[in-house]
């Protein structure tokens, strides 16, 4: 892999954010339940392939913020690097309020936000096509490797597709959370490892 000079770049939402940087409700509760801070899939892959790791993700981010993070870092990404982008659900959006604020279905509180959410839910295929155009652009720039978690899918459908264990499943809902557990991130890393190896052949 270019003499070990390649790097691993990861962009996304809470699925791609380390537990110790995570702001979702039950993160600290899960870490306390485990007794330590588990690694997530980018950290596991970084160790497995001995690659410097650059994580640019945040819990609750929308696809526009994820794409902007990629654009802001793209000048530093080389052709030999591995780029993983974990797109999120297309119903998420952002509005400007002295800075970009991402909105999820749960955070929409006023008529404007609820109207935008309804538009995105009714026009989901169009918004997903928009993300597909970004993916084509990124693949043309970095043809060696690119991963998408299917922006059309809800979190539960994505986890079901990959067969990923959740925090709730691991803890028997002692910690009620649908994010990947430690074992879930190991499963994600194993799947992505196989994809990466195929891309390097």
C-alpha atoms as a PDB file:
ATOM      1  CA  UNK A   1       0.000   0.000   0.000  1.00  0.00           C
ATOM      2  CA  UNK A   2       2.462   2.572  -1.264  1.00  0.00           C
ATOM      3  CA  UNK A   3       5.095   1.765   1.337  1.00  0.00           C
ATOM      4  CA  UNK A   4       2.742   2.461   4.240  1.00  0.00           C
ATOM      5  CA  UNK A   5       2.308   6.092   3.152  1.00  0.00           C
ATOM      6  CA  UNK A   6      -1.439   5.803   2.602  1.00  0.00           C
ATOM      7  CA  UNK A   7      -3.963   7.068   5.139  1.00  0.00           C
ATOM      8  CA  UNK A   8      -7.503   6.147   6.109  1.00  0.00           C
ATOM      9  CA  UNK A   9     -10.066   8.961   5.934  1.00  0.00           C
ATOM     10  CA  UNK A  10     -13.513   8.515   7.468  1.00  0.00           C
ATOM     11  CA  UNK A  11     -16.501  10.854   7.211  1.00  0.00           C
ATOM     12  CA  UNK A  12     -20.014  10.364   8.510  1.00  0.00           C
ATOM     13  CA  UNK A  13     -22.427  10.673  11.387  1.00  0.00           C
ATOM     14  CA  UNK A  14     -22.612   8.915  14.767  1.00  0.00           C
ATOM     15  CA  UNK A  15     -21.862   5.495  13.229  1.00  0.00           C
ATOM     16  CA  UNK A  16     -18.400   6.805  12.346  1.00  0.00           C
ATOM     17  CA  UNK A  17     -17.707   8.823  15.504  1.00  0.00           C
ATOM     18  CA  UNK A  18     -15.594   7.370  18.352  1.00  0.00           C
ATOM     19  CA  UNK A  19     -17.446   6.757  21.606  1.00  0.00           C
ATOM     20  CA  UNK A  20     -15.279   9.283  23.447  1.00  0.00           C
ATOM     21  CA  UNK A  21     -16.268  11.994  20.936  1.00  0.00           C
ATOM     22  CA  UNK A  22     -19.894  10.977  20.754  1.00  0.00           C
ATOM     23  CA  UNK A  23     -22.717  13.160  22.001  1.00  0.00           C
ATOM     24  CA  UNK A  24     -25.604  10.726  21.580  1.00  0.00           C
ATOM     25  CA  UNK A  25     -27.722  10.206  24.656  1.00  0.00           C
ATOM     26  CA  UNK A  26     -26.519   6.851  25.940  1.00  0.00           C
ATOM     27  CA  UNK A  27     -22.846   6.892  24.918  1.00  0.00           C
ATOM     28  CA  UNK A  28     -21.405   7.559  28.373  1.00  0.00           C
ATOM     29  CA  UNK A  29     -23.843   5.055  29.847  1.00  0.00           C
ATOM     30  CA  UNK A  30     -22.598   2.385  27.423  1.00  0.00           C
ATOM     31  CA  UNK A  31     -18.938   3.165  28.145  1.00  0.00           C
ATOM     32  CA  UNK A  32     -19.687   2.846  31.869  1.00  0.00           C
ATOM     33  CA  UNK A  33     -21.482  -0.458  31.244  1.00  0.00           C
ATOM     34  CA  UNK A  34     -18.441  -1.760  29.333  1.00  0.00           C
ATOM     35  CA  UNK A  35     -15.905  -0.435  31.852  1.00  0.00           C
ATOM     36  CA  UNK A  36     -13.723   0.994  29.060  1.00  0.00           C
ATOM     37  CA  UNK A  37     -14.038   2.930  25.802  1.00  0.00           C
ATOM     38  CA  UNK A  38     -14.394   0.442  22.915  1.00  0.00           C
ATOM     39  CA  UNK A  39     -12.882   1.019  19.492  1.00  0.00           C
ATOM     40  CA  UNK A  40     -15.135   1.735  16.526  1.00  0.00           C
ATOM     41  CA  UNK A  41     -14.693   0.444  12.981  1.00  0.00           C
ATOM     42  CA  UNK A  42     -12.324   3.191  11.681  1.00  0.00           C
ATOM     43  CA  UNK A  43      -9.980   2.671  14.638  1.00  0.00           C
ATOM     44  CA  UNK A  44     -10.056  -1.103  14.126  1.00  0.00           C
ATOM     45  CA  UNK A  45      -9.303  -0.736  10.396  1.00  0.00           C
ATOM     46  CA  UNK A  46      -6.513   1.746  11.106  1.00  0.00           C
ATOM     47  CA  UNK A  47      -4.819  -0.793  13.366  1.00  0.00           C
ATOM     48  CA  UNK A  48      -5.478  -3.711  11.018  1.00  0.00           C
ATOM     49  CA  UNK A  49      -3.947  -2.026   7.962  1.00  0.00           C
ATOM     50  CA  UNK A  50      -1.421   0.073   9.914  1.00  0.00           C
ATOM     51  CA  UNK A  51      -2.761   3.314   8.452  1.00  0.00           C
ATOM     52  CA  UNK A  52      -2.794   6.827   9.917  1.00  0.00           C
ATOM     53  CA  UNK A  53      -6.412   7.670  10.697  1.00  0.00           C
ATOM     54  CA  UNK A  54      -8.285  10.899   9.990  1.00  0.00           C
ATOM     55  CA  UNK A  55     -11.863  10.930  11.318  1.00  0.00           C
ATOM     56  CA  UNK A  56     -14.134  13.811  10.333  1.00  0.00           C
ATOM     57  CA  UNK A  57     -17.585  12.873  11.600  1.00  0.00           C
ATOM     58  CA  UNK A  58     -20.177  14.032  14.088  1.00  0.00           C
ATOM     59  CA  UNK A  59     -23.280  12.522  15.612  1.00  0.00           C
ATOM     60  CA  UNK A  60     -26.503  13.829  14.093  1.00  0.00           C
ATOM     61  CA  UNK A  61     -24.858  15.203  10.963  1.00  0.00           C
ATOM     62  CA  UNK A  62     -26.821  15.467   7.733  1.00  0.00           C
ATOM     63  CA  UNK A  63     -25.430  14.484   4.321  1.00  0.00           C
ATOM     64  CA  UNK A  64     -24.687  18.112   3.415  1.00  0.00           C
ATOM     65  CA  UNK A  65     -22.439  18.483   6.459  1.00  0.00           C
ATOM     66  CA  UNK A  66     -20.793  15.127   5.737  1.00  0.00           C
ATOM     67  CA  UNK A  67     -20.119  16.148   2.121  1.00  0.00           C
ATOM     68  CA  UNK A  68     -18.805  19.566   3.211  1.00  0.00           C
ATOM     69  CA  UNK A  69     -16.404  17.866   5.651  1.00  0.00           C
ATOM     70  CA  UNK A  70     -15.112  15.743   2.776  1.00  0.00           C
ATOM     71  CA  UNK A  71     -14.748  18.796   0.512  1.00  0.00           C
ATOM     72  CA  UNK A  72     -12.829  20.676   3.210  1.00  0.00           C
ATOM     73  CA  UNK A  73     -10.331  17.825   3.562  1.00  0.00           C
ATOM     74  CA  UNK A  74     -10.144  16.699  -0.074  1.00  0.00           C
ATOM     75  CA  UNK A  75      -7.008  18.720  -0.837  1.00  0.00           C
ATOM     76  CA  UNK A  76      -5.118  16.619   1.708  1.00  0.00           C
ATOM     77  CA  UNK A  77      -6.349  13.239   0.429  1.00  0.00           C
ATOM     78  CA  UNK A  78      -4.036  11.402  -1.964  1.00  0.00           C
ATOM     79  CA  UNK A  79      -4.894   8.862  -4.652  1.00  0.00           C
ATOM     80  CA  UNK A  80      -3.456   6.040  -2.521  1.00  0.00           C
ATOM     81  CA  UNK A  81      -5.585   6.850   0.515  1.00  0.00           C
ATOM     82  CA  UNK A  82      -8.654   4.892   1.540  1.00  0.00           C
ATOM     83  CA  UNK A  83     -11.803   7.006   1.856  1.00  0.00           C
ATOM     84  CA  UNK A  84     -14.871   5.797   3.736  1.00  0.00           C
ATOM     85  CA  UNK A  85     -17.999   7.931   3.749  1.00  0.00           C
ATOM     86  CA  UNK A  86     -20.865   6.770   5.925  1.00  0.00           C
ATOM     87  CA  UNK A  87     -23.822   8.655   4.485  1.00  0.00           C
ATOM     88  CA  UNK A  88     -26.820   9.180   6.723  1.00  0.00           C
ATOM     89  CA  UNK A  89     -30.590   9.197   6.206  1.00  0.00           C
ATOM     90  CA  UNK A  90     -31.795  11.608   3.521  1.00  0.00           C
ATOM     91  CA  UNK A  91     -34.511  13.013   5.813  1.00  0.00           C
ATOM     92  CA  UNK A  92     -31.847  14.931   7.747  1.00  0.00           C
ATOM     93  CA  UNK A  93     -31.119  18.507   6.680  1.00  0.00           C
ATOM     94  CA  UNK A  94     -29.400  21.650   7.949  1.00  0.00           C
ATOM     95  CA  UNK A  95     -30.344  25.298   8.412  1.00  0.00           C
ATOM     96  CA  UNK A  96     -28.181  28.342   9.013  1.00  0.00           C
ATOM     97  CA  UNK A  97     -28.333  29.930  12.492  1.00  0.00           C
ATOM     98  CA  UNK A  98     -25.001  31.685  13.093  1.00  0.00           C
ATOM     99  CA  UNK A  99     -23.533  28.457  11.702  1.00  0.00           C
ATOM    100  CA  UNK A 100     -24.952  25.279  10.200  1.00  0.00           C
ATOM    101  CA  UNK A 101     -27.307  23.330  12.469  1.00  0.00           C
ATOM    102  CA  UNK A 102     -28.212  19.762  11.496  1.00  0.00           C
ATOM    103  CA  UNK A 103     -31.794  18.650  12.027  1.00  0.00           C
ATOM    104  CA  UNK A 104     -33.072  15.116  12.472  1.00  0.00           C
ATOM    105  CA  UNK A 105     -36.756  14.092  12.509  1.00  0.00           C
ATOM    106  CA  UNK A 106     -36.583  14.148  16.312  1.00  0.00           C
ATOM    107  CA  UNK A 107     -35.235  17.712  16.469  1.00  0.00           C
ATOM    108  CA  UNK A 108     -37.826  19.392  14.229  1.00  0.00           C
ATOM    109  CA  UNK A 109     -39.920  21.619  16.492  1.00  0.00           C
ATOM    110  CA  UNK A 110     -41.389  24.540  14.505  1.00  0.00           C
ATOM    111  CA  UNK A 111     -43.586  24.719  11.407  1.00  0.00           C
ATOM    112  CA  UNK A 112     -40.683  25.569   9.076  1.00  0.00           C
ATOM    113  CA  UNK A 113     -38.590  22.594  10.194  1.00  0.00           C
ATOM    114  CA  UNK A 114     -41.584  20.237  10.099  1.00  0.00           C
ATOM    115  CA  UNK A 115     -42.435  21.441   6.589  1.00  0.00           C
ATOM    116  CA  UNK A 116     -38.897  20.823   5.371  1.00  0.00           C
ATOM    117  CA  UNK A 117     -38.936  17.369   6.987  1.00  0.00           C
ATOM    118  CA  UNK A 118     -42.233  16.512   5.267  1.00  0.00           C
ATOM    119  CA  UNK A 119     -40.804  17.623   1.914  1.00  0.00           C
ATOM    120  CA  UNK A 120     -37.735  15.445   2.398  1.00  0.00           C
ATOM    121  CA  UNK A 121     -39.800  12.433   3.421  1.00  0.00           C
ATOM    122  CA  UNK A 122     -42.122  12.807   0.427  1.00  0.00           C
ATOM    123  CA  UNK A 123     -39.233  13.487  -1.967  1.00  0.00           C
ATOM    124  CA  UNK A 124     -36.784  10.979  -0.504  1.00  0.00           C
ATOM    125  CA  UNK A 125     -35.879   9.444  -3.867  1.00  0.00           C
ATOM    126  CA  UNK A 126     -34.896  12.856  -5.228  1.00  0.00           C
ATOM    127  CA  UNK A 127     -32.708  13.667  -2.243  1.00  0.00           C
ATOM    128  CA  UNK A 128     -31.108  10.223  -2.467  1.00  0.00           C
ATOM    129  CA  UNK A 129     -30.373  10.827  -6.160  1.00  0.00           C
ATOM    130  CA  UNK A 130     -28.659  14.044  -5.121  1.00  0.00           C
ATOM    131  CA  UNK A 131     -26.330  12.078  -2.834  1.00  0.00           C
ATOM    132  CA  UNK A 132     -25.747   9.550  -5.636  1.00  0.00           C
ATOM    133  CA  UNK A 133     -24.372  12.406  -7.775  1.00  0.00           C
ATOM    134  CA  UNK A 134     -21.911  13.308  -5.007  1.00  0.00           C
ATOM    135  CA  UNK A 135     -20.850   9.658  -4.790  1.00  0.00           C
ATOM    136  CA  UNK A 136     -20.137   9.589  -8.554  1.00  0.00           C
ATOM    137  CA  UNK A 137     -18.008  12.721  -8.209  1.00  0.00           C
ATOM    138  CA  UNK A 138     -16.031  11.249  -5.300  1.00  0.00           C
ATOM    139  CA  UNK A 139     -15.532   7.920  -7.075  1.00  0.00           C
ATOM    140  CA  UNK A 140     -14.169   9.723 -10.119  1.00  0.00           C
ATOM    141  CA  UNK A 141     -11.699  11.562  -7.895  1.00  0.00           C
ATOM    142  CA  UNK A 142     -10.785   8.565  -5.732  1.00  0.00           C
ATOM    143  CA  UNK A 143     -11.465   5.430  -7.782  1.00  0.00           C
ATOM    144  CA  UNK A 144      -9.484   3.100  -5.509  1.00  0.00           C
ATOM    145  CA  UNK A 145     -12.049   2.841  -2.734  1.00  0.00           C
ATOM    146  CA  UNK A 146     -15.255   4.366  -1.523  1.00  0.00           C
ATOM    147  CA  UNK A 147     -17.918   3.073   0.841  1.00  0.00           C
ATOM    148  CA  UNK A 148     -21.488   4.234   1.311  1.00  0.00           C
ATOM    149  CA  UNK A 149     -23.971   3.058   3.933  1.00  0.00           C
ATOM    150  CA  UNK A 150     -26.922   3.584   1.570  1.00  0.00           C
ATOM    151  CA  UNK A 151     -28.394   7.039   2.256  1.00  0.00           C
ATOM    152  CA  UNK A 152     -31.905   5.826   1.409  1.00  0.00           C
ATOM    153  CA  UNK A 153     -32.002   3.428   4.367  1.00  0.00           C
ATOM    154  CA  UNK A 154     -33.030   4.111   7.915  1.00  0.00           C
ATOM    155  CA  UNK A 155     -30.611   3.218  10.692  1.00  0.00           C
ATOM    156  CA  UNK A 156     -32.482   0.028  11.591  1.00  0.00           C
ATOM    157  CA  UNK A 157     -32.571  -1.167   7.954  1.00  0.00           C
ATOM    158  CA  UNK A 158     -28.855  -0.486   7.540  1.00  0.00           C
ATOM    159  CA  UNK A 159     -28.001  -2.458  10.660  1.00  0.00           C
ATOM    160  CA  UNK A 160     -30.290  -5.303   9.603  1.00  0.00           C
ATOM    161  CA  UNK A 161     -28.691  -5.419   6.149  1.00  0.00           C
ATOM    162  CA  UNK A 162     -25.195  -5.687   7.589  1.00  0.00           C
ATOM    163  CA  UNK A 163     -26.255  -7.976  10.459  1.00  0.00           C
ATOM    164  CA  UNK A 164     -24.724  -5.571  12.950  1.00  0.00           C
ATOM    165  CA  UNK A 165     -25.232  -5.998  16.702  1.00  0.00           C
ATOM    166  CA  UNK A 166     -26.568  -2.905  18.475  1.00  0.00           C
ATOM    167  CA  UNK A 167     -25.842  -1.555  21.938  1.00  0.00           C
ATOM    168  CA  UNK A 168     -29.381  -2.460  22.970  1.00  0.00           C
ATOM    169  CA  UNK A 169     -28.908  -6.056  21.853  1.00  0.00           C
ATOM    170  CA  UNK A 170     -25.577  -6.440  23.641  1.00  0.00           C
ATOM    171  CA  UNK A 171     -26.882  -5.000  26.926  1.00  0.00           C
ATOM    172  CA  UNK A 172     -30.324  -6.655  26.729  1.00  0.00           C
ATOM    173  CA  UNK A 173     -31.671  -3.086  26.557  1.00  0.00           C
ATOM    174  CA  UNK A 174     -30.108  -2.140  29.853  1.00  0.00           C
ATOM    175  CA  UNK A 175     -28.681   0.600  27.657  1.00  0.00           C
ATOM    176  CA  UNK A 176     -31.411   1.294  25.108  1.00  0.00           C
ATOM    177  CA  UNK A 177     -29.596   2.478  21.995  1.00  0.00           C
ATOM    178  CA  UNK A 178     -29.623   1.473  18.335  1.00  0.00           C
ATOM    179  CA  UNK A 179     -26.023   2.397  17.536  1.00  0.00           C
ATOM    180  CA  UNK A 180     -23.482  -0.366  16.832  1.00  0.00           C
ATOM    181  CA  UNK A 181     -22.050  -2.077  19.877  1.00  0.00           C
ATOM    182  CA  UNK A 182     -18.371  -2.945  20.245  1.00  0.00           C
ATOM    183  CA  UNK A 183     -19.049  -6.269  18.507  1.00  0.00           C
ATOM    184  CA  UNK A 184     -21.130  -4.413  15.912  1.00  0.00           C
ATOM    185  CA  UNK A 185     -18.182  -2.195  15.053  1.00  0.00           C
ATOM    186  CA  UNK A 186     -15.972  -5.281  14.824  1.00  0.00           C
ATOM    187  CA  UNK A 187     -18.491  -6.732  12.365  1.00  0.00           C
ATOM    188  CA  UNK A 188     -18.480  -3.513  10.347  1.00  0.00           C
ATOM    189  CA  UNK A 189     -14.691  -3.511  10.316  1.00  0.00           C
ATOM    190  CA  UNK A 190     -14.610  -7.129   9.105  1.00  0.00           C
ATOM    191  CA  UNK A 191     -17.011  -6.362   6.232  1.00  0.00           C
ATOM    192  CA  UNK A 192     -15.110  -3.238   5.234  1.00  0.00           C
ATOM    193  CA  UNK A 193     -11.796  -5.044   5.524  1.00  0.00           C
ATOM    194  CA  UNK A 194     -12.941  -7.524   2.893  1.00  0.00           C
ATOM    195  CA  UNK A 195     -14.008  -4.667   0.602  1.00  0.00           C
ATOM    196  CA  UNK A 196     -10.708  -2.867   1.109  1.00  0.00           C
ATOM    197  CA  UNK A 197      -8.682  -5.990   0.351  1.00  0.00           C
ATOM    198  CA  UNK A 198     -10.614  -6.546  -2.876  1.00  0.00           C
ATOM    199  CA  UNK A 199      -9.989  -2.937  -3.904  1.00  0.00           C
ATOM    200  CA  UNK A 200      -6.246  -3.364  -3.379  1.00  0.00           C
ATOM    201  CA  UNK A 201      -5.894  -6.498  -5.497  1.00  0.00           C
END
